[in-house]
Amino acid sequence: MSVDYELRLVTDWQPRQILEIVSKELGLQWQENSRLVGRGIVLGATAEPEQRQSLMMEAFGFKPTVDIWFRVETNEEICPGKTILLKASLSILGKIPGDGVLLVGEEKIVFQRINGTLIFNKKLQVWADYELSELNVPYFGQLLRSPLISNHPPRVKMRNNIYTRLKSLATRQGKSMTELANEAIEVYLKQVGA
């Protein structure tokens, strides 16, 4: 059995350049159709189509330009493909700045890097804690809800006095609470450089 993963990134790099990095650093072999193979894994890279860029912009707030896909064999008790997936992903992230997300099954978040912050999804533990503890990059572990599979928008709790003032201002401006709260948060994020 195999499991498919996709690392979607914002970058000026071409898909072939990214695969060359992975091939060189991890010693993976080229197949004739511009794919790389290793023990328990096959991977490739393509330019991200415009339609998917728009979907990702709506869901994650960035437009990925490249999709690096991984097919990991999971038949063995020890899965060398999962180790290569981790090493390849971190090698790519180490060379290419910018936002990105690793998805499994095209919709569940394994990890994301937004505004330089790497967060692994605690709910989908693809790698054991000891494997992650060996990483040489700072990261966080949190529960990550995928906006690609949830019909419920995220909620933010606020103090009563903030809610009352926000409700009053929204009413006066003829806007919904959601609209005004999103505008306020967007202004704040721009001010702090996020």
N, C-alpha and C. Protein backbone atom coordinates (compact mmCIF):
# COMPACT_ATOMS: atom_id res chain seq x y z
N MET A 1 0.84 -1.18 0.00
CA MET A 1 0.00 0.00 0.00
C MET A 1 0.89 1.24 0.00
N SER A 2 0.41 2.29 -0.64
CA SER A 2 1.17 3.54 -0.65
C SER A 2 0.26 4.69 -0.23
N VAL A 3 0.92 5.75 0.26
CA VAL A 3 0.21 6.95 0.70
C VAL A 3 0.81 8.13 -0.06
N ASP A 4 -0.06 9.01 -0.55
CA ASP A 4 0.38 10.17 -1.33
C ASP A 4 0.43 11.43 -0.47
N TYR A 5 1.54 12.16 -0.63
CA TYR A 5 1.75 13.43 0.06
C TYR A 5 2.05 14.49 -1.00
N GLU A 6 1.73 15.74 -0.69
CA GLU A 6 2.05 16.85 -1.58
C GLU A 6 2.60 18.02 -0.77
N LEU A 7 3.76 18.50 -1.18
CA LEU A 7 4.35 19.70 -0.58
C LEU A 7 4.12 20.83 -1.56
N ARG A 8 3.24 21.75 -1.19
CA ARG A 8 2.90 22.88 -2.05
C ARG A 8 3.60 24.12 -1.52
N LEU A 9 4.40 24.76 -2.40
CA LEU A 9 5.27 25.86 -1.99
C LEU A 9 5.14 27.07 -2.88
N VAL A 10 5.42 28.23 -2.28
CA VAL A 10 5.57 29.47 -3.02
C VAL A 10 7.07 29.61 -3.29
N THR A 11 7.46 29.70 -4.57
CA THR A 11 8.86 29.83 -4.91
C THR A 11 9.03 30.31 -6.35
N ASP A 12 10.19 30.88 -6.62
CA ASP A 12 10.55 31.24 -7.99
C ASP A 12 11.27 30.08 -8.68
N TRP A 13 11.61 29.06 -7.93
CA TRP A 13 12.34 27.91 -8.46
C TRP A 13 11.43 27.08 -9.37
N GLN A 14 12.05 26.44 -10.33
CA GLN A 14 11.35 25.53 -11.24
C GLN A 14 11.28 24.14 -10.60
N PRO A 15 10.26 23.34 -10.94
CA PRO A 15 10.14 22.00 -10.36
C PRO A 15 11.41 21.16 -10.53
N ARG A 16 12.03 21.20 -11.69
CA ARG A 16 13.24 20.39 -11.94
C ARG A 16 14.39 20.80 -11.00
N GLN A 17 14.54 22.10 -10.75
CA GLN A 17 15.59 22.58 -9.85
C GLN A 17 15.41 22.01 -8.45
N ILE A 18 14.18 21.95 -8.00
CA ILE A 18 13.89 21.43 -6.67
C ILE A 18 14.23 19.94 -6.59
N LEU A 19 13.86 19.20 -7.62
CA LEU A 19 14.19 17.77 -7.64
C LEU A 19 15.70 17.54 -7.68
N GLU A 20 16.43 18.41 -8.36
CA GLU A 20 17.89 18.27 -8.40
C GLU A 20 18.50 18.43 -7.01
N ILE A 21 17.96 19.34 -6.21
CA ILE A 21 18.42 19.50 -4.82
C ILE A 21 18.23 18.20 -4.05
N VAL A 22 17.02 17.66 -4.14
CA VAL A 22 16.69 16.44 -3.39
C VAL A 22 17.55 15.28 -3.87
N SER A 23 17.73 15.15 -5.17
CA SER A 23 18.54 14.07 -5.72
C SER A 23 19.97 14.14 -5.22
N LYS A 24 20.52 15.33 -5.24
CA LYS A 24 21.91 15.53 -4.83
C LYS A 24 22.09 15.28 -3.33
N GLU A 25 21.20 15.83 -2.51
CA GLU A 25 21.37 15.74 -1.06
C GLU A 25 21.02 14.37 -0.49
N LEU A 26 20.06 13.67 -1.10
CA LEU A 26 19.62 12.39 -0.55
C LEU A 26 20.04 11.19 -1.38
N GLY A 27 20.72 11.43 -2.50
CA GLY A 27 21.20 10.33 -3.33
C GLY A 27 20.09 9.54 -4.00
N LEU A 28 18.98 10.18 -4.32
CA LEU A 28 17.89 9.48 -5.01
C LEU A 28 18.19 9.38 -6.49
N GLN A 29 17.68 8.34 -7.12
CA GLN A 29 17.95 8.06 -8.52
C GLN A 29 16.86 8.63 -9.42
N TRP A 30 17.27 9.10 -10.60
CA TRP A 30 16.33 9.62 -11.59
C TRP A 30 15.70 8.48 -12.37
N GLN A 31 14.41 8.59 -12.63
CA GLN A 31 13.72 7.71 -13.58
C GLN A 31 13.58 8.49 -14.87
N GLU A 32 13.28 7.81 -15.95
CA GLU A 32 13.22 8.47 -17.26
C GLU A 32 12.15 9.55 -17.36
N ASN A 33 11.11 9.50 -16.58
CA ASN A 33 10.03 10.49 -16.67
C ASN A 33 10.16 11.60 -15.63
N SER A 34 11.37 12.01 -15.34
CA SER A 34 11.65 13.13 -14.41
C SER A 34 11.12 12.91 -13.00
N ARG A 35 11.17 11.67 -12.58
CA ARG A 35 10.81 11.33 -11.21
C ARG A 35 12.07 10.86 -10.49
N LEU A 36 12.02 10.95 -9.16
CA LEU A 36 13.10 10.42 -8.34
C LEU A 36 12.58 9.21 -7.58
N VAL A 37 13.45 8.22 -7.39
CA VAL A 37 13.07 7.04 -6.63
C VAL A 37 14.11 6.75 -5.56
N GLY A 38 13.63 6.22 -4.48
CA GLY A 38 14.48 5.78 -3.38
C GLY A 38 13.79 4.61 -2.72
N ARG A 39 14.39 4.07 -1.68
CA ARG A 39 13.81 2.92 -1.01
C ARG A 39 12.48 3.32 -0.37
N GLY A 40 11.38 2.80 -0.92
CA GLY A 40 10.06 3.06 -0.37
C GLY A 40 9.43 4.36 -0.78
N ILE A 41 9.98 5.04 -1.81
CA ILE A 41 9.41 6.34 -2.19
C ILE A 41 9.65 6.65 -3.66
N VAL A 42 8.69 7.34 -4.26
CA VAL A 42 8.81 7.94 -5.59
C VAL A 42 8.34 9.37 -5.43
N LEU A 43 9.03 10.32 -6.07
CA LEU A 43 8.59 11.70 -5.99
C LEU A 43 8.83 12.43 -7.29
N GLY A 44 8.07 13.49 -7.46
CA GLY A 44 8.17 14.33 -8.64
C GLY A 44 7.70 15.73 -8.29
N ALA A 45 7.78 16.62 -9.26
CA ALA A 45 7.37 18.00 -9.02
C ALA A 45 6.75 18.57 -10.28
N THR A 46 5.72 19.39 -10.09
CA THR A 46 5.05 20.05 -11.21
C THR A 46 4.73 21.48 -10.81
N ALA A 47 4.51 22.29 -11.83
CA ALA A 47 4.02 23.65 -11.57
C ALA A 47 2.58 23.54 -11.08
N GLU A 48 2.22 24.39 -10.14
CA GLU A 48 0.87 24.38 -9.57
C GLU A 48 -0.09 25.07 -10.54
N PRO A 49 -1.20 24.43 -10.94
CA PRO A 49 -2.16 25.08 -11.85
C PRO A 49 -2.87 26.25 -11.17
N GLU A 50 -3.30 27.20 -11.96
CA GLU A 50 -3.95 28.42 -11.47
C GLU A 50 -5.17 28.11 -10.60
N GLN A 51 -5.97 27.14 -11.00
CA GLN A 51 -7.18 26.81 -10.24
C GLN A 51 -6.82 26.37 -8.82
N ARG A 52 -5.79 25.54 -8.69
CA ARG A 52 -5.39 25.08 -7.36
C ARG A 52 -4.74 26.21 -6.57
N GLN A 53 -4.03 27.11 -7.26
CA GLN A 53 -3.45 28.27 -6.58
C GLN A 53 -4.55 29.09 -5.91
N SER A 54 -5.64 29.30 -6.61
CA SER A 54 -6.75 30.08 -6.06
C SER A 54 -7.37 29.38 -4.86
N LEU A 55 -7.54 28.07 -4.94
CA LEU A 55 -8.08 27.30 -3.83
C LEU A 55 -7.17 27.40 -2.61
N MET A 56 -5.87 27.28 -2.82
CA MET A 56 -4.92 27.35 -1.71
C MET A 56 -4.86 28.77 -1.13
N MET A 57 -5.01 29.78 -1.97
CA MET A 57 -5.03 31.16 -1.48
C MET A 57 -6.22 31.37 -0.55
N GLU A 58 -7.36 30.86 -0.95
CA GLU A 58 -8.57 30.98 -0.13
C GLU A 58 -8.41 30.21 1.19
N ALA A 59 -7.80 29.03 1.13
CA ALA A 59 -7.70 28.18 2.31
C ALA A 59 -6.55 28.55 3.24
N PHE A 60 -5.37 28.88 2.66
CA PHE A 60 -4.17 29.06 3.47
C PHE A 60 -3.57 30.46 3.42
N GLY A 61 -4.04 31.29 2.48
CA GLY A 61 -3.53 32.65 2.41
C GLY A 61 -2.27 32.81 1.58
N PHE A 62 -1.91 31.80 0.78
CA PHE A 62 -0.78 31.93 -0.13
C PHE A 62 -1.07 31.13 -1.41
N LYS A 63 -0.39 31.52 -2.49
CA LYS A 63 -0.56 30.86 -3.78
C LYS A 63 0.68 30.05 -4.09
N PRO A 64 0.63 28.73 -3.89
CA PRO A 64 1.79 27.91 -4.21
C PRO A 64 2.05 27.88 -5.71
N THR A 65 3.31 27.86 -6.07
CA THR A 65 3.69 27.81 -7.48
C THR A 65 4.19 26.44 -7.89
N VAL A 66 4.58 25.61 -6.91
CA VAL A 66 5.12 24.28 -7.19
C VAL A 66 4.46 23.26 -6.27
N ASP A 67 4.20 22.08 -6.83
CA ASP A 67 3.66 20.95 -6.08
C ASP A 67 4.68 19.82 -6.17
N ILE A 68 5.32 19.48 -5.05
CA ILE A 68 6.22 18.34 -5.00
C ILE A 68 5.41 17.19 -4.42
N TRP A 69 5.25 16.13 -5.19
CA TRP A 69 4.42 15.02 -4.74
C TRP A 69 5.31 13.82 -4.36
N PHE A 70 4.85 13.08 -3.38
CA PHE A 70 5.57 11.92 -2.85
C PHE A 70 4.60 10.74 -2.78
N ARG A 71 5.02 9.60 -3.25
CA ARG A 71 4.26 8.36 -3.06
C ARG A 71 5.11 7.47 -2.16
N VAL A 72 4.64 7.27 -0.94
CA VAL A 72 5.40 6.56 0.09
C VAL A 72 4.80 5.18 0.31
N GLU A 73 5.64 4.15 0.17
CA GLU A 73 5.21 2.78 0.44
C GLU A 73 5.14 2.57 1.94
N THR A 74 4.03 2.00 2.41
CA THR A 74 3.84 1.80 3.85
C THR A 74 3.66 0.33 4.20
N ASN A 75 4.08 -0.57 3.33
CA ASN A 75 3.91 -2.00 3.57
C ASN A 75 4.83 -2.54 4.64
N GLU A 76 5.98 -1.93 4.80
CA GLU A 76 6.97 -2.44 5.73
C GLU A 76 6.73 -1.88 7.13
N GLU A 77 7.19 -2.64 8.14
CA GLU A 77 7.07 -2.17 9.52
C GLU A 77 7.88 -0.89 9.72
N ILE A 78 9.10 -0.88 9.17
CA ILE A 78 9.92 0.32 9.17
C ILE A 78 9.77 0.91 7.77
N CYS A 79 9.36 2.16 7.69
CA CYS A 79 9.06 2.79 6.40
C CYS A 79 10.18 3.76 6.03
N PRO A 80 11.16 3.31 5.24
CA PRO A 80 12.23 4.23 4.85
C PRO A 80 11.73 5.39 4.01
N GLY A 81 10.62 5.19 3.29
CA GLY A 81 10.05 6.26 2.49
C GLY A 81 9.60 7.44 3.33
N LYS A 82 9.08 7.16 4.53
CA LYS A 82 8.65 8.25 5.42
C LYS A 82 9.85 9.06 5.91
N THR A 83 10.95 8.38 6.15
CA THR A 83 12.17 9.09 6.57
C THR A 83 12.67 9.97 5.43
N ILE A 84 12.65 9.44 4.22
CA ILE A 84 13.08 10.23 3.05
C ILE A 84 12.14 11.41 2.83
N LEU A 85 10.83 11.18 3.02
CA LEU A 85 9.85 12.26 2.91
C LEU A 85 10.20 13.41 3.85
N LEU A 86 10.51 13.10 5.09
CA LEU A 86 10.86 14.12 6.08
C LEU A 86 12.14 14.84 5.68
N LYS A 87 13.17 14.07 5.34
CA LYS A 87 14.46 14.67 4.97
C LYS A 87 14.34 15.52 3.70
N ALA A 88 13.61 15.02 2.72
CA ALA A 88 13.44 15.76 1.46
C ALA A 88 12.68 17.06 1.69
N SER A 89 11.59 16.97 2.46
CA SER A 89 10.77 18.16 2.73
C SER A 89 11.59 19.22 3.45
N LEU A 90 12.33 18.81 4.47
CA LEU A 90 13.12 19.78 5.23
C LEU A 90 14.30 20.31 4.42
N SER A 91 14.86 19.49 3.56
CA SER A 91 15.92 19.97 2.67
C SER A 91 15.39 21.06 1.75
N ILE A 92 14.22 20.84 1.20
CA ILE A 92 13.59 21.82 0.32
C ILE A 92 13.28 23.10 1.09
N LEU A 93 12.67 22.96 2.26
CA LEU A 93 12.32 24.13 3.06
C LEU A 93 13.56 24.89 3.50
N GLY A 94 14.66 24.18 3.70
CA GLY A 94 15.91 24.83 4.09
C GLY A 94 16.52 25.67 2.99
N LYS A 95 16.24 25.32 1.76
CA LYS A 95 16.81 26.03 0.61
C LYS A 95 15.88 27.09 0.04
N ILE A 96 14.59 26.87 0.23
CA ILE A 96 13.59 27.73 -0.41
C ILE A 96 12.77 28.43 0.67
N PRO A 97 12.91 29.75 0.78
CA PRO A 97 12.06 30.46 1.74
C PRO A 97 10.64 30.57 1.18
N GLY A 98 9.73 30.91 2.02
CA GLY A 98 8.36 31.11 1.55
C GLY A 98 7.40 30.17 2.23
N ASP A 99 6.13 30.42 2.00
CA ASP A 99 5.08 29.64 2.62
C ASP A 99 4.93 28.29 1.93
N GLY A 100 4.49 27.30 2.70
CA GLY A 100 4.27 25.98 2.15
C GLY A 100 3.47 25.12 3.10
N VAL A 101 2.91 24.05 2.55
CA VAL A 101 2.13 23.11 3.36
C VAL A 101 2.34 21.71 2.79
N LEU A 102 2.54 20.73 3.69
CA LEU A 102 2.61 19.33 3.29
C LEU A 102 1.27 18.70 3.63
N LEU A 103 0.62 18.18 2.60
CA LEU A 103 -0.70 17.56 2.75
C LEU A 103 -0.60 16.06 2.51
N VAL A 104 -1.43 15.30 3.19
CA VAL A 104 -1.59 13.88 2.90
C VAL A 104 -3.01 13.70 2.39
N GLY A 105 -3.14 12.90 1.33
CA GLY A 105 -4.47 12.71 0.76
C GLY A 105 -5.06 13.98 0.18
N GLU A 106 -4.24 14.92 -0.21
CA GLU A 106 -4.60 16.19 -0.83
C GLU A 106 -5.35 17.17 0.07
N GLU A 107 -5.59 16.79 1.35
CA GLU A 107 -6.39 17.72 2.15
C GLU A 107 -6.01 17.81 3.63
N LYS A 108 -5.42 16.79 4.19
CA LYS A 108 -5.06 16.82 5.60
C LYS A 108 -3.65 17.39 5.77
N ILE A 109 -3.50 18.32 6.71
CA ILE A 109 -2.21 19.00 6.91
C ILE A 109 -1.29 18.13 7.76
N VAL A 110 -0.09 17.85 7.22
CA VAL A 110 0.96 17.18 7.98
C VAL A 110 1.79 18.24 8.69
N PHE A 111 2.24 19.25 7.93
CA PHE A 111 2.87 20.42 8.52
C PHE A 111 2.65 21.60 7.61
N GLN A 112 2.85 22.78 8.16
CA GLN A 112 2.76 24.00 7.36
C GLN A 112 3.85 24.96 7.80
N ARG A 113 4.32 25.75 6.85
CA ARG A 113 5.22 26.84 7.17
C ARG A 113 4.59 28.10 6.61
N ILE A 114 4.11 28.93 7.50
CA ILE A 114 3.49 30.19 7.13
C ILE A 114 4.26 31.30 7.85
N ASN A 115 4.67 32.32 7.09
CA ASN A 115 5.44 33.43 7.66
C ASN A 115 6.66 32.94 8.44
N GLY A 116 7.30 31.88 7.94
CA GLY A 116 8.53 31.39 8.54
C GLY A 116 8.36 30.49 9.74
N THR A 117 7.13 30.23 10.18
CA THR A 117 6.88 29.39 11.35
C THR A 117 6.47 27.98 10.90
N LEU A 118 7.28 26.99 11.27
CA LEU A 118 7.02 25.59 10.91
C LEU A 118 6.23 24.94 12.03
N ILE A 119 5.04 24.40 11.67
CA ILE A 119 4.16 23.76 12.65
C ILE A 119 3.79 22.37 12.14
N PHE A 120 4.09 21.35 12.93
CA PHE A 120 3.68 19.98 12.62
C PHE A 120 2.33 19.72 13.27
N ASN A 121 1.47 19.03 12.55
CA ASN A 121 0.13 18.70 13.03
C ASN A 121 0.22 17.57 14.06
N LYS A 122 -0.14 17.86 15.30
CA LYS A 122 -0.09 16.85 16.36
C LYS A 122 -1.12 15.74 16.16
N LYS A 123 -2.18 16.05 15.44
CA LYS A 123 -3.23 15.06 15.22
C LYS A 123 -2.78 13.97 14.24
N LEU A 124 -2.00 14.35 13.23
CA LEU A 124 -1.51 13.39 12.23
C LEU A 124 -0.04 13.09 12.49
N GLN A 125 0.25 12.26 13.39
CA GLN A 125 1.64 11.99 13.72
C GLN A 125 2.25 11.04 12.68
N VAL A 126 2.75 11.61 11.59
CA VAL A 126 3.39 10.83 10.53
C VAL A 126 4.73 10.30 11.01
N TRP A 127 5.42 11.09 11.81
CA TRP A 127 6.71 10.69 12.34
C TRP A 127 6.64 10.63 13.86
N ALA A 128 7.44 9.73 14.44
CA ALA A 128 7.50 9.61 15.90
C ALA A 128 8.18 10.83 16.49
N ASP A 129 7.91 11.08 17.76
CA ASP A 129 8.51 12.23 18.44
C ASP A 129 10.03 12.19 18.39
N TYR A 130 10.61 10.99 18.51
CA TYR A 130 12.08 10.91 18.47
C TYR A 130 12.63 11.32 17.11
N GLU A 131 11.88 11.05 16.03
CA GLU A 131 12.33 11.47 14.70
C GLU A 131 12.30 13.00 14.57
N LEU A 132 11.24 13.59 15.09
CA LEU A 132 11.14 15.05 15.04
C LEU A 132 12.15 15.71 15.97
N SER A 133 12.48 15.06 17.07
CA SER A 133 13.45 15.66 18.01
C SER A 133 14.84 15.75 17.40
N GLU A 134 15.10 14.99 16.34
CA GLU A 134 16.41 15.03 15.68
C GLU A 134 16.52 16.14 14.64
N LEU A 135 15.44 16.89 14.45
CA LEU A 135 15.45 17.96 13.45
C LEU A 135 16.37 19.09 13.90
N ASN A 136 17.03 19.69 12.94
CA ASN A 136 17.91 20.82 13.23
C ASN A 136 17.25 22.14 12.89
N VAL A 137 15.93 22.16 12.90
CA VAL A 137 15.19 23.39 12.61
C VAL A 137 14.16 23.61 13.71
N PRO A 138 13.91 24.87 14.06
CA PRO A 138 12.88 25.12 15.07
C PRO A 138 11.49 24.82 14.51
N TYR A 139 10.67 24.20 15.32
CA TYR A 139 9.31 23.89 14.89
C TYR A 139 8.41 23.84 16.12
N PHE A 140 7.12 23.85 15.86
CA PHE A 140 6.11 23.74 16.90
C PHE A 140 5.21 22.55 16.57
N GLY A 141 4.55 22.03 17.56
CA GLY A 141 3.56 20.98 17.36
C GLY A 141 2.22 21.49 17.86
N GLN A 142 1.22 21.49 17.00
CA GLN A 142 -0.12 21.94 17.36
C GLN A 142 -1.14 21.14 16.57
N LEU A 143 -2.38 21.18 17.01
CA LEU A 143 -3.45 20.61 16.21
C LEU A 143 -3.74 21.58 15.08
N LEU A 144 -3.72 21.09 13.85
CA LEU A 144 -3.98 21.93 12.68
C LEU A 144 -5.25 21.45 11.99
N ARG A 145 -6.23 22.29 11.92
CA ARG A 145 -7.49 22.00 11.24
C ARG A 145 -7.30 22.33 9.76
N SER A 146 -7.66 21.42 8.90
CA SER A 146 -7.51 21.67 7.47
C SER A 146 -8.69 22.46 6.93
N PRO A 147 -8.44 23.64 6.38
CA PRO A 147 -9.53 24.40 5.77
C PRO A 147 -10.05 23.75 4.49
N LEU A 148 -9.34 22.74 3.98
CA LEU A 148 -9.78 22.07 2.75
C LEU A 148 -10.88 21.04 3.00
N ILE A 149 -11.04 20.60 4.25
CA ILE A 149 -12.05 19.57 4.53
C ILE A 149 -13.07 20.00 5.57
N SER A 150 -12.94 21.17 6.12
CA SER A 150 -13.87 21.63 7.16
C SER A 150 -14.90 22.58 6.56
N ASN A 151 -16.14 22.33 6.89
CA ASN A 151 -17.21 23.24 6.47
C ASN A 151 -17.44 24.35 7.48
N HIS A 152 -16.77 24.24 8.62
CA HIS A 152 -16.96 25.21 9.68
C HIS A 152 -15.81 26.21 9.69
N PRO A 153 -16.13 27.49 9.62
CA PRO A 153 -15.05 28.48 9.66
C PRO A 153 -14.41 28.48 11.04
N PRO A 154 -13.14 28.88 11.13
CA PRO A 154 -12.49 28.94 12.44
C PRO A 154 -13.16 29.99 13.33
N ARG A 155 -13.06 29.78 14.62
CA ARG A 155 -13.66 30.72 15.58
C ARG A 155 -12.56 31.29 16.46
N VAL A 156 -12.76 32.52 16.84
CA VAL A 156 -11.84 33.19 17.74
C VAL A 156 -12.64 33.70 18.92
N LYS A 157 -12.20 33.34 20.11
CA LYS A 157 -12.88 33.83 21.32
C LYS A 157 -12.30 35.19 21.68
N MET A 158 -13.16 36.06 22.19
CA MET A 158 -12.69 37.39 22.60
C MET A 158 -13.36 37.78 23.91
N ARG A 159 -12.73 38.71 24.57
CA ARG A 159 -13.29 39.21 25.82
C ARG A 159 -14.62 39.93 25.55
N ASN A 160 -15.50 39.94 26.54
CA ASN A 160 -16.82 40.57 26.38
C ASN A 160 -16.72 42.05 26.04
N ASN A 161 -15.80 42.78 26.68
CA ASN A 161 -15.70 44.21 26.40
C ASN A 161 -15.25 44.47 24.96
N ILE A 162 -14.39 43.61 24.40
CA ILE A 162 -13.97 43.75 23.00
C ILE A 162 -15.16 43.43 22.08
N TYR A 163 -15.89 42.37 22.40
CA TYR A 163 -17.05 41.99 21.60
C TYR A 163 -18.08 43.12 21.55
N THR A 164 -18.36 43.72 22.68
CA THR A 164 -19.36 44.79 22.74
C THR A 164 -18.94 45.98 21.88
N ARG A 165 -17.67 46.36 21.98
CA ARG A 165 -17.19 47.49 21.17
C ARG A 165 -17.20 47.15 19.68
N LEU A 166 -16.79 45.92 19.36
CA LEU A 166 -16.77 45.49 17.96
C LEU A 166 -18.19 45.44 17.38
N LYS A 167 -19.14 44.94 18.16
CA LYS A 167 -20.54 44.85 17.72
C LYS A 167 -21.10 46.24 17.46
N SER A 168 -20.80 47.17 18.33
CA SER A 168 -21.26 48.54 18.17
C SER A 168 -20.69 49.17 16.90
N LEU A 169 -19.40 49.00 16.69
CA LEU A 169 -18.74 49.56 15.52
C LEU A 169 -19.27 48.91 14.23
N ALA A 170 -19.46 47.60 14.24
CA ALA A 170 -19.98 46.90 13.06
C ALA A 170 -21.38 47.40 12.70
N THR A 171 -22.21 47.58 13.70
CA THR A 171 -23.57 48.08 13.48
C THR A 171 -23.52 49.48 12.88
N ARG A 172 -22.68 50.34 13.46
CA ARG A 172 -22.57 51.72 12.99
C ARG A 172 -22.07 51.77 11.54
N GLN A 173 -21.16 50.87 11.17
CA GLN A 173 -20.61 50.87 9.81
C GLN A 173 -21.42 50.03 8.83
N GLY A 174 -22.45 49.35 9.32
CA GLY A 174 -23.28 48.54 8.43
C GLY A 174 -22.56 47.29 7.94
N LYS A 175 -21.67 46.75 8.76
CA LYS A 175 -20.92 45.55 8.40
C LYS A 175 -21.27 44.42 9.36
N SER A 176 -20.96 43.21 8.93
CA SER A 176 -21.14 42.07 9.83
C SER A 176 -19.97 42.03 10.81
N MET A 177 -20.16 41.34 11.91
CA MET A 177 -19.08 41.17 12.90
C MET A 177 -17.89 40.45 12.26
N THR A 178 -18.17 39.45 11.47
CA THR A 178 -17.10 38.69 10.81
C THR A 178 -16.29 39.58 9.89
N GLU A 179 -16.98 40.37 9.10
CA GLU A 179 -16.30 41.27 8.15
C GLU A 179 -15.40 42.26 8.88
N LEU A 180 -15.93 42.88 9.92
CA LEU A 180 -15.16 43.88 10.67
C LEU A 180 -13.99 43.22 11.42
N ALA A 181 -14.23 42.06 12.02
CA ALA A 181 -13.17 41.36 12.74
C ALA A 181 -12.05 40.96 11.78
N ASN A 182 -12.41 40.48 10.59
CA ASN A 182 -11.39 40.11 9.60
C ASN A 182 -10.57 41.32 9.17
N GLU A 183 -11.23 42.45 8.96
CA GLU A 183 -10.52 43.67 8.59
C GLU A 183 -9.54 44.09 9.69
N ALA A 184 -9.99 44.04 10.93
CA ALA A 184 -9.14 44.44 12.06
C ALA A 184 -7.94 43.51 12.20
N ILE A 185 -8.17 42.22 12.07
CA ILE A 185 -7.07 41.25 12.19
C ILE A 185 -6.10 41.41 11.04
N GLU A 186 -6.60 41.66 9.84
CA GLU A 186 -5.73 41.87 8.67
C GLU A 186 -4.82 43.08 8.87
N VAL A 187 -5.38 44.18 9.40
CA VAL A 187 -4.58 45.38 9.68
C VAL A 187 -3.50 45.06 10.70
N TYR A 188 -3.87 44.35 11.75
CA TYR A 188 -2.90 43.98 12.78
C TYR A 188 -1.78 43.13 12.21
N LEU A 189 -2.13 42.12 11.41
CA LEU A 189 -1.11 41.23 10.82
C LEU A 189 -0.14 42.00 9.93
N LYS A 190 -0.64 42.98 9.20
CA LYS A 190 0.24 43.81 8.36
C LYS A 190 1.17 44.65 9.23
N GLN A 191 0.66 45.15 10.35
CA GLN A 191 1.48 45.98 11.24
C GLN A 191 2.62 45.18 11.86
N VAL A 192 2.38 43.94 12.20
CA VAL A 192 3.42 43.13 12.84
C VAL A 192 4.28 42.39 11.82
N GLY A 193 3.95 42.57 10.55
CA GLY A 193 4.76 41.96 9.49
C GLY A 193 4.52 40.49 9.27
N ALA A 194 3.35 40.00 9.62
CA ALA A 194 3.04 38.58 9.43
C ALA A 194 2.38 38.35 8.10
